[in-house]
PDB file of N, CA and C in Angstrom:
ATOM      1  N   MET A   1       0.851  -1.165   0.000  1.00  0.00           N
ATOM      2  CA  MET A   1       0.000   0.000   0.000  1.00  0.00           C
ATOM      3  C   MET A   1       0.902   1.235   0.000  1.00  0.00           C
ATOM      4  N   ARG A   2       0.518   2.207  -0.847  1.00  0.00           N
ATOM      5  CA  ARG A   2       1.279   3.456  -0.944  1.00  0.00           C
ATOM      6  C   ARG A   2       0.424   4.610  -0.448  1.00  0.00           C
ATOM      7  N   LEU A   3       1.008   5.434   0.405  1.00  0.00           N
ATOM      8  CA  LEU A   3       0.324   6.582   0.970  1.00  0.00           C
ATOM      9  C   LEU A   3       0.990   7.865   0.501  1.00  0.00           C
ATOM     10  N   ALA A   4       0.182   8.891   0.292  1.00  0.00           N
ATOM     11  CA  ALA A   4       0.711  10.243   0.116  1.00  0.00           C
ATOM     12  C   ALA A   4       0.534  10.934   1.459  1.00  0.00           C
ATOM     13  N   LEU A   5       1.611  11.486   1.992  1.00  0.00           N
ATOM     14  CA  LEU A   5       1.579  12.183   3.271  1.00  0.00           C
ATOM     15  C   LEU A   5       1.639  13.674   3.002  1.00  0.00           C
ATOM     16  N   ILE A   6       0.591  14.378   3.416  1.00  0.00           N
ATOM     17  CA  ILE A   6       0.544  15.824   3.175  1.00  0.00           C
ATOM     18  C   ILE A   6       0.277  16.542   4.495  1.00  0.00           C
ATOM     19  N   ALA A   7       0.844  17.734   4.623  1.00  0.00           N
ATOM     20  CA  ALA A   7       0.662  18.520   5.849  1.00  0.00           C
ATOM     21  C   ALA A   7       0.810  19.993   5.528  1.00  0.00           C
ATOM     22  N   ASP A   8       0.384  20.813   6.457  1.00  0.00           N
ATOM     23  CA  ASP A   8       0.549  22.265   6.340  1.00  0.00           C
ATOM     24  C   ASP A   8       0.012  22.805   5.018  1.00  0.00           C
ATOM     25  N   ILE A   9      -1.225  22.495   4.734  1.00  0.00           N
ATOM     26  CA  ILE A   9      -1.848  22.962   3.494  1.00  0.00           C
ATOM     27  C   ILE A   9      -2.177  24.447   3.599  1.00  0.00           C
ATOM     28  N   HIS A  10      -2.582  24.880   4.766  1.00  0.00           N
ATOM     29  CA  HIS A  10      -2.898  26.286   5.034  1.00  0.00           C
ATOM     30  C   HIS A  10      -3.869  26.877   4.020  1.00  0.00           C
ATOM     31  N   ALA A  11      -4.857  26.099   3.623  1.00  0.00           N
ATOM     32  CA  ALA A  11      -5.916  26.528   2.701  1.00  0.00           C
ATOM     33  C   ALA A  11      -5.392  27.005   1.362  1.00  0.00           C
ATOM     34  N   ASN A  12      -4.247  26.509   0.939  1.00  0.00           N
ATOM     35  CA  ASN A  12      -3.652  26.886  -0.337  1.00  0.00           C
ATOM     36  C   ASN A  12      -4.145  25.905  -1.405  1.00  0.00           C
ATOM     37  N   ALA A  13      -5.294  26.218  -1.998  1.00  0.00           N
ATOM     38  CA  ALA A  13      -5.934  25.315  -2.958  1.00  0.00           C
ATOM     39  C   ALA A  13      -5.075  25.008  -4.185  1.00  0.00           C
ATOM     40  N   PRO A  14      -4.403  25.999  -4.798  1.00  0.00           N
ATOM     41  CA  PRO A  14      -3.573  25.662  -5.964  1.00  0.00           C
ATOM     42  C   PRO A  14      -2.447  24.686  -5.630  1.00  0.00           C
ATOM     43  N   ALA A  15      -1.814  24.861  -4.475  1.00  0.00           N
ATOM     44  CA  ALA A  15      -0.738  23.953  -4.081  1.00  0.00           C
ATOM     45  C   ALA A  15      -1.280  22.557  -3.825  1.00  0.00           C
ATOM     46  N   LEU A  16      -2.414  22.472  -3.127  1.00  0.00           N
ATOM     47  CA  LEU A  16      -3.011  21.168  -2.846  1.00  0.00           C
ATOM     48  C   LEU A  16      -3.424  20.467  -4.138  1.00  0.00           C
ATOM     49  N   GLY A  17      -4.020  21.205  -5.059  1.00  0.00           N
ATOM     50  CA  GLY A  17      -4.414  20.602  -6.334  1.00  0.00           C
ATOM     51  C   GLY A  17      -3.231  20.029  -7.086  1.00  0.00           C
ATOM     52  N   ALA A  18      -2.118  20.763  -7.099  1.00  0.00           N
ATOM     53  CA  ALA A  18      -0.911  20.280  -7.783  1.00  0.00           C
ATOM     54  C   ALA A  18      -0.356  19.033  -7.109  1.00  0.00           C
ATOM     55  N   VAL A  19      -0.366  19.021  -5.778  1.00  0.00           N
ATOM     56  CA  VAL A  19       0.143  17.864  -5.040  1.00  0.00           C
ATOM     57  C   VAL A  19      -0.746  16.641  -5.261  1.00  0.00           C
ATOM     58  N   LEU A  20      -2.065  16.817  -5.203  1.00  0.00           N
ATOM     59  CA  LEU A  20      -2.961  15.671  -5.412  1.00  0.00           C
ATOM     60  C   LEU A  20      -2.842  15.108  -6.816  1.00  0.00           C
ATOM     61  N   ALA A  21      -2.690  15.975  -7.822  1.00  0.00           N
ATOM     62  CA  ALA A  21      -2.504  15.501  -9.203  1.00  0.00           C
ATOM     63  C   ALA A  21      -1.192  14.723  -9.319  1.00  0.00           C
ATOM     64  N   HIS A  22      -0.145  15.232  -8.706  1.00  0.00           N
ATOM     65  CA  HIS A  22       1.151  14.544  -8.740  1.00  0.00           C
ATOM     66  C   HIS A  22       1.065  13.209  -8.008  1.00  0.00           C
ATOM     67  N   ALA A  23       0.393  13.187  -6.868  1.00  0.00           N
ATOM     68  CA  ALA A  23       0.252  11.951  -6.094  1.00  0.00           C
ATOM     69  C   ALA A  23      -0.509  10.883  -6.885  1.00  0.00           C
ATOM     70  N   ARG A  24      -1.517  11.298  -7.643  1.00  0.00           N
ATOM     71  CA  ARG A  24      -2.239  10.332  -8.492  1.00  0.00           C
ATOM     72  C   ARG A  24      -1.294   9.697  -9.504  1.00  0.00           C
ATOM     73  N   ARG A  25      -0.406  10.501 -10.073  1.00  0.00           N
ATOM     74  CA  ARG A  25       0.564   9.954 -11.040  1.00  0.00           C
ATOM     75  C   ARG A  25       1.566   9.011 -10.368  1.00  0.00           C
ATOM     76  N   GLN A  26       1.749   9.157  -9.059  1.00  0.00           N
ATOM     77  CA  GLN A  26       2.633   8.259  -8.306  1.00  0.00           C
ATOM     78  C   GLN A  26       1.906   6.990  -7.871  1.00  0.00           C
ATOM     79  N   ARG A  27       0.631   6.905  -8.220  1.00  0.00           N
ATOM     80  CA  ARG A  27      -0.218   5.740  -7.933  1.00  0.00           C
ATOM     81  C   ARG A  27      -0.348   5.445  -6.435  1.00  0.00           C
ATOM     82  N   VAL A  28      -0.628   6.487  -5.666  1.00  0.00           N
ATOM     83  CA  VAL A  28      -0.862   6.267  -4.239  1.00  0.00           C
ATOM     84  C   VAL A  28      -2.252   5.683  -4.032  1.00  0.00           C
ATOM     85  N   ASP A  29      -2.394   4.925  -2.968  1.00  0.00           N
ATOM     86  CA  ASP A  29      -3.687   4.321  -2.643  1.00  0.00           C
ATOM     87  C   ASP A  29      -4.545   5.241  -1.777  1.00  0.00           C
ATOM     88  N   TYR A  30      -3.901   5.989  -0.898  1.00  0.00           N
ATOM     89  CA  TYR A  30      -4.615   6.889   0.006  1.00  0.00           C
ATOM     90  C   TYR A  30      -3.809   8.160   0.210  1.00  0.00           C
ATOM     91  N   VAL A  31      -4.527   9.217   0.543  1.00  0.00           N
ATOM     92  CA  VAL A  31      -3.913  10.484   0.931  1.00  0.00           C
ATOM     93  C   VAL A  31      -4.172  10.659   2.422  1.00  0.00           C
ATOM     94  N   VAL A  32      -3.106  10.872   3.173  1.00  0.00           N
ATOM     95  CA  VAL A  32      -3.219  11.044   4.610  1.00  0.00           C
ATOM     96  C   VAL A  32      -2.892  12.494   4.946  1.00  0.00           C
ATOM     97  N   GLY A  33      -3.885  13.218   5.453  1.00  0.00           N
ATOM     98  CA  GLY A  33      -3.682  14.596   5.880  1.00  0.00           C
ATOM     99  C   GLY A  33      -3.179  14.619   7.308  1.00  0.00           C
ATOM    100  N   LEU A  34      -2.015  15.226   7.526  1.00  0.00           N
ATOM    101  CA  LEU A  34      -1.377  15.214   8.842  1.00  0.00           C
ATOM    102  C   LEU A  34      -1.559  16.510   9.622  1.00  0.00           C
ATOM    103  N   GLY A  35      -2.468  17.369   9.174  1.00  0.00           N
ATOM    104  CA  GLY A  35      -2.769  18.558   9.959  1.00  0.00           C
ATOM    105  C   GLY A  35      -2.597  19.857   9.210  1.00  0.00           C
ATOM    106  N   ASP A  36      -3.090  20.927   9.817  1.00  0.00           N
ATOM    107  CA  ASP A  36      -3.020  22.293   9.283  1.00  0.00           C
ATOM    108  C   ASP A  36      -3.634  22.402   7.889  1.00  0.00           C
ATOM    109  N   ILE A  37      -4.880  21.996   7.775  1.00  0.00           N
ATOM    110  CA  ILE A  37      -5.575  22.073   6.494  1.00  0.00           C
ATOM    111  C   ILE A  37      -6.091  23.482   6.247  1.00  0.00           C
ATOM    112  N   VAL A  38      -6.639  24.116   7.269  1.00  0.00           N
ATOM    113  CA  VAL A  38      -7.171  25.471   7.106  1.00  0.00           C
ATOM    114  C   VAL A  38      -6.055  26.483   7.310  1.00  0.00           C
ATOM    115  N   GLY A  39      -6.324  27.715   6.897  1.00  0.00           N
ATOM    116  CA  GLY A  39      -5.305  28.738   7.047  1.00  0.00           C
ATOM    117  C   GLY A  39      -5.793  30.086   6.602  1.00  0.00           C
ATOM    118  N   ASN A  40      -4.874  30.896   6.133  1.00  0.00           N
ATOM    119  CA  ASN A  40      -5.194  32.281   5.816  1.00  0.00           C
ATOM    120  C   ASN A  40      -4.977  32.616   4.346  1.00  0.00           C
ATOM    121  N   SER A  41      -5.252  31.700   3.471  1.00  0.00           N
ATOM    122  CA  SER A  41      -5.079  31.950   2.047  1.00  0.00           C
ATOM    123  C   SER A  41      -6.311  32.630   1.464  1.00  0.00           C
ATOM    124  N   ALA A  42      -6.077  33.507   0.505  1.00  0.00           N
ATOM    125  CA  ALA A  42      -7.181  34.148  -0.203  1.00  0.00           C
ATOM    126  C   ALA A  42      -7.769  33.222  -1.268  1.00  0.00           C
ATOM    127  N   LEU A  43      -7.132  32.097  -1.504  1.00  0.00           N
ATOM    128  CA  LEU A  43      -7.645  31.090  -2.439  1.00  0.00           C
ATOM    129  C   LEU A  43      -7.884  29.807  -1.651  1.00  0.00           C
ATOM    130  N   PRO A  44      -8.936  29.780  -0.813  1.00  0.00           N
ATOM    131  CA  PRO A  44      -9.152  28.652   0.091  1.00  0.00           C
ATOM    132  C   PRO A  44      -9.624  27.407  -0.634  1.00  0.00           C
ATOM    133  N   LEU A  45      -9.635  26.333   0.105  1.00  0.00           N
ATOM    134  CA  LEU A  45     -10.090  25.055  -0.418  1.00  0.00           C
ATOM    135  C   LEU A  45     -11.583  25.110  -0.654  1.00  0.00           C
ATOM    136  N   GLY A  46     -12.015  24.533  -1.752  1.00  0.00           N
ATOM    137  CA  GLY A  46     -13.438  24.467  -2.054  1.00  0.00           C
ATOM    138  C   GLY A  46     -14.033  23.178  -1.540  1.00  0.00           C
ATOM    139  N   SER A  47     -15.323  23.064  -1.681  1.00  0.00           N
ATOM    140  CA  SER A  47     -16.010  21.874  -1.196  1.00  0.00           C
ATOM    141  C   SER A  47     -15.677  20.645  -2.035  1.00  0.00           C
ATOM    142  N   GLU A  48     -15.022  20.838  -3.177  1.00  0.00           N
ATOM    143  CA  GLU A  48     -14.683  19.685  -4.014  1.00  0.00           C
ATOM    144  C   GLU A  48     -13.489  18.920  -3.478  1.00  0.00           C
ATOM    145  N   VAL A  49     -12.779  19.470  -2.495  1.00  0.00           N
ATOM    146  CA  VAL A  49     -11.608  18.810  -1.932  1.00  0.00           C
ATOM    147  C   VAL A  49     -12.059  17.871  -0.835  1.00  0.00           C
ATOM    148  N   PHE A  50     -11.662  16.596  -0.964  1.00  0.00           N
ATOM    149  CA  PHE A  50     -12.006  15.606   0.047  1.00  0.00           C
ATOM    150  C   PHE A  50     -10.752  14.789   0.320  1.00  0.00           C
ATOM    151  N   LEU A  51     -10.315  14.799   1.561  1.00  0.00           N
ATOM    152  CA  LEU A  51      -9.135  14.033   1.931  1.00  0.00           C
ATOM    153  C   LEU A  51      -9.585  12.776   2.658  1.00  0.00           C
ATOM    154  N   TYR A  52      -9.327  11.633   2.066  1.00  0.00           N
ATOM    155  CA  TYR A  52      -9.660  10.385   2.726  1.00  0.00           C
ATOM    156  C   TYR A  52      -8.450   9.931   3.518  1.00  0.00           C
ATOM    157  N   PRO A  53      -8.555   9.842   4.838  1.00  0.00           N
ATOM    158  CA  PRO A  53      -7.378   9.573   5.652  1.00  0.00           C
ATOM    159  C   PRO A  53      -6.843   8.165   5.532  1.00  0.00           C
ATOM    160  N   GLY A  54      -7.601   7.271   4.941  1.00  0.00           N
ATOM    161  CA  GLY A  54      -7.107   5.904   4.785  1.00  0.00           C
ATOM    162  C   GLY A  54      -7.288   5.081   6.049  1.00  0.00           C
ATOM    163  N   PRO A  55      -6.946   3.822   5.970  1.00  0.00           N
ATOM    164  CA  PRO A  55      -7.165   2.903   7.093  1.00  0.00           C
ATOM    165  C   PRO A  55      -6.031   2.999   8.116  1.00  0.00           C
ATOM    166  N   LEU A  56      -5.970   4.107   8.854  1.00  0.00           N
ATOM    167  CA  LEU A  56      -4.864   4.305   9.777  1.00  0.00           C
ATOM    168  C   LEU A  56      -4.797   3.224  10.847  1.00  0.00           C
ATOM    169  N   ALA A  57      -5.947   2.665  11.212  1.00  0.00           N
ATOM    170  CA  ALA A  57      -5.949   1.629  12.241  1.00  0.00           C
ATOM    171  C   ALA A  57      -5.207   0.381  11.778  1.00  0.00           C
ATOM    172  N   GLU A  58      -5.055   0.191  10.486  1.00  0.00           N
ATOM    173  CA  GLU A  58      -4.393  -0.996   9.964  1.00  0.00           C
ATOM    174  C   GLU A  58      -2.898  -0.798   9.750  1.00  0.00           C
ATOM    175  N   LEU A  59      -2.386   0.411  10.001  1.00  0.00           N
ATOM    176  CA  LEU A  59      -0.961   0.638   9.824  1.00  0.00           C
ATOM    177  C   LEU A  59      -0.195  -0.077  10.924  1.00  0.00           C
ATOM    178  N   PRO A  60       0.959  -0.646  10.584  1.00  0.00           N
ATOM    179  CA  PRO A  60       1.739  -1.344  11.614  1.00  0.00           C
ATOM    180  C   PRO A  60       2.238  -0.358  12.663  1.00  0.00           C
ATOM    181  N   ALA A  61       1.993  -0.649  13.923  1.00  0.00           N
ATOM    182  CA  ALA A  61       2.348   0.278  15.000  1.00  0.00           C
ATOM    183  C   ALA A  61       3.749   0.027  15.555  1.00  0.00           C
ATOM    184  N   ASP A  62       4.269  -1.162  15.369  1.00  0.00           N
ATOM    185  CA  ASP A  62       5.557  -1.490  15.970  1.00  0.00           C
ATOM    186  C   ASP A  62       6.721  -0.834  15.210  1.00  0.00           C
ATOM    187  N   GLY A  63       7.354   0.091  15.872  1.00  0.00           N
ATOM    188  CA  GLY A  63       8.521   0.751  15.291  1.00  0.00           C
ATOM    189  C   GLY A  63       8.223   1.624  14.090  1.00  0.00           C
ATOM    190  N   PHE A  64       6.989   2.039  13.927  1.00  0.00           N
ATOM    191  CA  PHE A  64       6.605   2.811  12.743  1.00  0.00           C
ATOM    192  C   PHE A  64       6.191   4.204  13.170  1.00  0.00           C
ATOM    193  N   HIS A  65       6.806   5.209  12.573  1.00  0.00           N
ATOM    194  CA  HIS A  65       6.467   6.596  12.875  1.00  0.00           C
ATOM    195  C   HIS A  65       6.378   7.362  11.574  1.00  0.00           C
ATOM    196  N   PHE A  66       5.397   8.273  11.493  1.00  0.00           N
ATOM    197  CA  PHE A  66       5.304   9.116  10.304  1.00  0.00           C
ATOM    198  C   PHE A  66       6.441  10.117  10.280  1.00  0.00           C
ATOM    199  N   VAL A  67       6.904  10.409   9.102  1.00  0.00           N
ATOM    200  CA  VAL A  67       7.899  11.461   8.929  1.00  0.00           C
ATOM    201  C   VAL A  67       7.185  12.772   8.646  1.00  0.00           C
ATOM    202  N   ASN A  68       7.882  13.874   8.821  1.00  0.00           N
ATOM    203  CA  ASN A  68       7.320  15.173   8.470  1.00  0.00           C
ATOM    204  C   ASN A  68       7.525  15.349   6.969  1.00  0.00           C
ATOM    205  N   PRO A  69       6.433  15.375   6.194  1.00  0.00           N
ATOM    206  CA  PRO A  69       6.581  15.444   4.746  1.00  0.00           C
ATOM    207  C   PRO A  69       6.910  16.833   4.227  1.00  0.00           C
ATOM    208  N   GLY A  70       6.910  17.838   5.074  1.00  0.00           N
ATOM    209  CA  GLY A  70       7.112  19.207   4.600  1.00  0.00           C
ATOM    210  C   GLY A  70       5.773  19.903   4.444  1.00  0.00           C
ATOM    211  N   SER A  71       5.791  21.074   3.851  1.00  0.00           N
ATOM    212  CA  SER A  71       4.594  21.901   3.764  1.00  0.00           C
ATOM    213  C   SER A  71       4.058  21.974   2.343  1.00  0.00           C
ATOM    214  N   VAL A  72       2.777  21.667   2.198  1.00  0.00           N
ATOM    215  CA  VAL A  72       2.124  21.814   0.902  1.00  0.00           C
ATOM    216  C   VAL A  72       1.908  23.282   0.578  1.00  0.00           C
ATOM    217  N   GLY A  73       1.413  24.055   1.545  1.00  0.00           N
ATOM    218  CA  GLY A  73       0.943  25.398   1.227  1.00  0.00           C
ATOM    219  C   GLY A  73       1.671  26.563   1.862  1.00  0.00           C
ATOM    220  N   ASP A  74       2.833  26.338   2.447  1.00  0.00           N
ATOM    221  CA  ASP A  74       3.560  27.418   3.105  1.00  0.00           C
ATOM    222  C   ASP A  74       4.114  28.398   2.072  1.00  0.00           C
ATOM    223  N   LEU A  75       3.749  29.658   2.219  1.00  0.00           N
ATOM    224  CA  LEU A  75       4.203  30.691   1.281  1.00  0.00           C
ATOM    225  C   LEU A  75       5.454  31.424   1.755  1.00  0.00           C
ATOM    226  N   THR A  76       5.999  31.037   2.895  1.00  0.00           N
ATOM    227  CA  THR A  76       7.143  31.763   3.448  1.00  0.00           C
ATOM    228  C   THR A  76       8.487  31.129   3.124  1.00  0.00           C
ATOM    229  N   THR A  77       8.484  29.993   2.462  1.00  0.00           N
ATOM    230  CA  THR A  77       9.747  29.329   2.145  1.00  0.00           C
ATOM    231  C   THR A  77      10.378  29.923   0.894  1.00  0.00           C
ATOM    232  N   ARG A  78      11.670  29.776   0.770  1.00  0.00           N
ATOM    233  CA  ARG A  78      12.371  30.292  -0.417  1.00  0.00           C
ATOM    234  C   ARG A  78      12.066  29.465  -1.662  1.00  0.00           C
ATOM    235  N   ASP A  79      11.885  28.173  -1.477  1.00  0.00           N
ATOM    236  CA  ASP A  79      11.570  27.301  -2.610  1.00  0.00           C
ATOM    237  C   ASP A  79      10.076  27.440  -2.908  1.00  0.00           C
ATOM    238  N   PRO A  80       9.714  27.839  -4.121  1.00  0.00           N
ATOM    239  CA  PRO A  80       8.301  28.115  -4.425  1.00  0.00           C
ATOM    240  C   PRO A  80       7.438  26.876  -4.674  1.00  0.00           C
ATOM    241  N   ARG A  81       7.957  25.700  -4.499  1.00  0.00           N
ATOM    242  CA  ARG A  81       7.186  24.491  -4.796  1.00  0.00           C
ATOM    243  C   ARG A  81       6.529  23.915  -3.539  1.00  0.00           C
ATOM    244  N   ALA A  82       5.430  23.204  -3.746  1.00  0.00           N
ATOM    245  CA  ALA A  82       4.754  22.495  -2.663  1.00  0.00           C
ATOM    246  C   ALA A  82       5.533  21.214  -2.371  1.00  0.00           C
ATOM    247  N   ILE A  83       5.504  20.783  -1.119  1.00  0.00           N
ATOM    248  CA  ILE A  83       6.277  19.604  -0.710  1.00  0.00           C
ATOM    249  C   ILE A  83       5.329  18.571  -0.106  1.00  0.00           C
ATOM    250  N   TYR A  84       5.563  17.306  -0.462  1.00  0.00           N
ATOM    251  CA  TYR A  84       4.848  16.206   0.182  1.00  0.00           C
ATOM    252  C   TYR A  84       5.704  14.957   0.068  1.00  0.00           C
ATOM    253  N   ALA A  85       5.256  13.876   0.679  1.00  0.00           N
ATOM    254  CA  ALA A  85       6.012  12.624   0.633  1.00  0.00           C
ATOM    255  C   ALA A  85       5.076  11.466   0.322  1.00  0.00           C
ATOM    256  N   THR A  86       5.664  10.403  -0.214  1.00  0.00           N
ATOM    257  CA  THR A  86       4.933   9.145  -0.350  1.00  0.00           C
ATOM    258  C   THR A  86       5.613   8.120   0.549  1.00  0.00           C
ATOM    259  N   LEU A  87       4.809   7.191   1.034  1.00  0.00           N
ATOM    260  CA  LEU A  87       5.315   6.122   1.883  1.00  0.00           C
ATOM    261  C   LEU A  87       4.793   4.804   1.352  1.00  0.00           C
ATOM    262  N   ASP A  88       5.702   3.911   1.016  1.00  0.00           N
ATOM    263  CA  ASP A  88       5.343   2.558   0.601  1.00  0.00           C
ATOM    264  C   ASP A  88       5.409   1.690   1.852  1.00  0.00           C
ATOM    265  N   LEU A  89       4.259   1.171   2.286  1.00  0.00           N
ATOM    266  CA  LEU A  89       4.217   0.407   3.535  1.00  0.00           C
ATOM    267  C   LEU A  89       4.898  -0.949   3.421  1.00  0.00           C
ATOM    268  N   GLU A  90       4.976  -1.497   2.216  1.00  0.00           N
ATOM    269  CA  GLU A  90       5.640  -2.796   2.056  1.00  0.00           C
ATOM    270  C   GLU A  90       7.144  -2.664   2.161  1.00  0.00           C
ATOM    271  N   THR A  91       7.705  -1.684   1.478  1.00  0.00           N
ATOM    272  CA  THR A  91       9.162  -1.510   1.473  1.00  0.00           C
ATOM    273  C   THR A  91       9.640  -0.537   2.547  1.00  0.00           C
ATOM    274  N   ARG A  92       8.679   0.203   3.148  1.00  0.00           N
ATOM    275  CA  ARG A  92       8.968   1.256   4.118  1.00  0.00           C
ATOM    276  C   ARG A  92       9.866   2.341   3.516  1.00  0.00           C
ATOM    277  N   ARG A  93       9.691   2.547   2.245  1.00  0.00           N
ATOM    278  CA  ARG A  93      10.457   3.575   1.544  1.00  0.00           C
ATOM    279  C   ARG A  93       9.669   4.887   1.532  1.00  0.00           C
ATOM    280  N   VAL A  94      10.342   5.959   1.887  1.00  0.00           N
ATOM    281  CA  VAL A  94       9.758   7.300   1.864  1.00  0.00           C
ATOM    282  C   VAL A  94      10.437   8.077   0.752  1.00  0.00           C
ATOM    283  N   ARG A  95       9.613   8.736  -0.070  1.00  0.00           N
ATOM    284  CA  ARG A  95      10.138   9.609  -1.129  1.00  0.00           C
ATOM    285  C   ARG A  95       9.517  10.990  -0.960  1.00  0.00           C
ATOM    286  N   PHE A  96      10.348  12.007  -1.083  1.00  0.00           N
ATOM    287  CA  PHE A  96       9.891  13.385  -0.976  1.00  0.00           C
ATOM    288  C   PHE A  96       9.800  13.997  -2.362  1.00  0.00           C
ATOM    289  N   PHE A  97       8.781  14.824  -2.566  1.00  0.00           N
ATOM    290  CA  PHE A  97       8.571  15.476  -3.852  1.00  0.00           C
ATOM    291  C   PHE A  97       8.377  16.974  -3.645  1.00  0.00           C
ATOM    292  N   ARG A  98       8.878  17.751  -4.568  1.00  0.00           N
ATOM    293  CA  ARG A  98       8.617  19.188  -4.638  1.00  0.00           C
ATOM    294  C   ARG A  98       7.861  19.406  -5.947  1.00  0.00           C
ATOM    295  N   VAL A  99       6.671  19.990  -5.829  1.00  0.00           N
ATOM    296  CA  VAL A  99       5.758  20.095  -6.956  1.00  0.00           C
ATOM    297  C   VAL A  99       5.502  21.568  -7.283  1.00  0.00           C
ATOM    298  N   PRO A 100       5.734  21.984  -8.532  1.00  0.00           N
ATOM    299  CA  PRO A 100       5.448  23.376  -8.890  1.00  0.00           C
ATOM    300  C   PRO A 100       3.943  23.650  -8.936  1.00  0.00           C
ATOM    301  N   TYR A 101       3.578  24.888  -8.606  1.00  0.00           N
ATOM    302  CA  TYR A 101       2.192  25.353  -8.712  1.00  0.00           C
ATOM    303  C   TYR A 101       2.242  26.858  -8.892  1.00  0.00           C
ATOM    304  N   ASP A 102       1.095  27.469  -9.147  1.00  0.00           N
ATOM    305  CA  ASP A 102       1.040  28.908  -9.407  1.00  0.00           C
ATOM    306  C   ASP A 102       1.062  29.685  -8.087  1.00  0.00           C
ATOM    307  N   ARG A 103       2.233  29.788  -7.509  1.00  0.00           N
ATOM    308  CA  ARG A 103       2.405  30.496  -6.238  1.00  0.00           C
ATOM    309  C   ARG A 103       2.103  31.989  -6.396  1.00  0.00           C
ATOM    310  N   GLY A 104       2.437  32.544  -7.549  1.00  0.00           N
ATOM    311  CA  GLY A 104       2.184  33.959  -7.805  1.00  0.00           C
ATOM    312  C   GLY A 104       0.715  34.318  -7.698  1.00  0.00           C
ATOM    313  N   ALA A 105      -0.157  33.432  -8.181  1.00  0.00           N
ATOM    314  CA  ALA A 105      -1.599  33.684  -8.103  1.00  0.00           C
ATOM    315  C   ALA A 105      -2.056  33.763  -6.650  1.00  0.00           C
ATOM    316  N   VAL A 106      -1.528  32.893  -5.797  1.00  0.00           N
ATOM    317  CA  VAL A 106      -1.902  32.895  -4.380  1.00  0.00           C
ATOM    318  C   VAL A 106      -1.386  34.164  -3.712  1.00  0.00           C
ATOM    319  N   LEU A 107      -0.136  34.532  -3.993  1.00  0.00           N
ATOM    320  CA  LEU A 107       0.434  35.741  -3.387  1.00  0.00           C
ATOM    321  C   LEU A 107      -0.336  36.987  -3.826  1.00  0.00           C
ATOM    322  N   SER A 108      -0.698  37.044  -5.110  1.00  0.00           N
ATOM    323  CA  SER A 108      -1.474  38.192  -5.611  1.00  0.00           C
ATOM    324  C   SER A 108      -2.847  38.265  -4.957  1.00  0.00           C
ATOM    325  N   ALA A 109      -3.519  37.123  -4.853  1.00  0.00           N
ATOM    326  CA  ALA A 109      -4.841  37.093  -4.226  1.00  0.00           C
ATOM    327  C   ALA A 109      -4.744  37.492  -2.756  1.00  0.00           C
ATOM    328  N   ASN A 110      -3.705  37.028  -2.069  1.00  0.00           N
ATOM    329  CA  ASN A 110      -3.525  37.405  -0.665  1.00  0.00           C
ATOM    330  C   ASN A 110      -3.308  38.910  -0.538  1.00  0.00           C
ATOM    331  N   THR A 111      -2.535  39.495  -1.443  1.00  0.00           N
ATOM    332  CA  THR A 111      -2.287  40.938  -1.414  1.00  0.00           C
ATOM    333  C   THR A 111      -3.579  41.703  -1.650  1.00  0.00           C
ATOM    334  N   ARG A 112      -4.372  41.266  -2.639  1.00  0.00           N
ATOM    335  CA  ARG A 112      -5.653  41.928  -2.912  1.00  0.00           C
ATOM    336  C   ARG A 112      -6.578  41.836  -1.711  1.00  0.00           C
ATOM    337  N   GLN A 113      -6.612  40.671  -1.073  1.00  0.00           N
ATOM    338  CA  GLN A 113      -7.494  40.482   0.080  1.00  0.00           C
ATOM    339  C   GLN A 113      -7.056  41.390   1.231  1.00  0.00           C
ATOM    340  N   ARG A 114      -5.761  41.480   1.507  1.00  0.00           N
ATOM    341  CA  ARG A 114      -5.283  42.348   2.580  1.00  0.00           C
ATOM    342  C   ARG A 114      -5.555  43.811   2.255  1.00  0.00           C
ATOM    343  N   THR A 115      -5.388  44.206   0.993  1.00  0.00           N
ATOM    344  CA  THR A 115      -5.662  45.580   0.592  1.00  0.00           C
ATOM    345  C   THR A 115      -7.140  45.909   0.785  1.00  0.00           C
ATOM    346  N   ALA A 116      -8.019  45.005   0.380  1.00  0.00           N
ATOM    347  CA  ALA A 116      -9.459  45.226   0.539  1.00  0.00           C
ATOM    348  C   ALA A 116      -9.833  45.309   2.012  1.00  0.00           C
ATOM    349  N   ALA A 117      -9.254  44.432   2.833  1.00  0.00           N
ATOM    350  CA  ALA A 117      -9.556  44.464   4.271  1.00  0.00           C
ATOM    351  C   ALA A 117      -9.072  45.772   4.886  1.00  0.00           C
ATOM    352  N   HIS A 118      -7.913  46.252   4.467  1.00  0.00           N
ATOM    353  CA  HIS A 118      -7.379  47.514   4.984  1.00  0.00           C
ATOM    354  C   HIS A 118      -8.294  48.681   4.601  1.00  0.00           C
ATOM    355  N   LEU A 119      -8.777  48.692   3.367  1.00  0.00           N
ATOM    356  CA  LEU A 119      -9.675  49.768   2.934  1.00  0.00           C
ATOM    357  C   LEU A 119     -10.992  49.735   3.706  1.00  0.00           C
ATOM    358  N   LEU A 120     -11.502  48.542   3.960  1.00  0.00           N
ATOM    359  CA  LEU A 120     -12.731  48.413   4.745  1.00  0.00           C
ATOM    360  C   LEU A 120     -12.542  48.925   6.168  1.00  0.00           C
ATOM    361  N   GLU A 121     -11.388  48.654   6.762  1.00  0.00           N
ATOM    362  CA  GLU A 121     -11.113  49.129   8.109  1.00  0.00           C
ATOM    363  C   GLU A 121     -11.060  50.658   8.141  1.00  0.00           C
ATOM    364  N   LYS A 122     -10.491  51.270   7.094  1.00  0.00           N
ATOM    365  CA  LYS A 122     -10.373  52.727   7.068  1.00  0.00           C
ATOM    366  C   LYS A 122     -11.724  53.409   6.934  1.00  0.00           C
ATOM    367  N   THR A 123     -12.680  52.773   6.272  1.00  0.00           N
ATOM    368  CA  THR A 123     -13.985  53.386   6.048  1.00  0.00           C
ATOM    369  C   THR A 123     -14.972  53.080   7.172  1.00  0.00           C
ATOM    370  N   ALA A 124     -14.620  52.162   8.058  1.00  0.00           N
ATOM    371  CA  ALA A 124     -15.537  51.776   9.145  1.00  0.00           C
ATOM    372  C   ALA A 124     -15.529  52.805  10.274  1.00  0.00           C
TER     373      ALA A 124
END
C-alpha cells in the first residue's frame, strides 16, 4: 500500500491541487492529511476537496512513525514548490517530492485580500 503524506496545506488550494494531481501519477492508494488544512489563504479550499485519511488503524504500530513530509501550502519558504512525501508500507520507503504550482496567483490574491480588508477598516 502506498500513501501520500501531506501537511501544512494552510488553505492553499492551488498547491493542494498540484500535489494531489502529482500523487495520483505516483499511484498512491490513500492520501493522509497530517494537519493544518485550514489557514489564511485568499484562495481557500473548495467543497470539491475531500481528503480520505485511509485505514490508519491498519498501519503497523511497531517501530513505525510518520515522517514530516514538509509543507504543501507554506508561502514563506524560499523554494516556491509544494512539498509532500509518499510512503510505501511494504518496502517502508519514503520519497519526498517538490511540486510546482502557481504560487504567484496565491500571493497576488492574498495581497488583494489584505488591501481590501485595509480599505474596509479605514472606512468603518
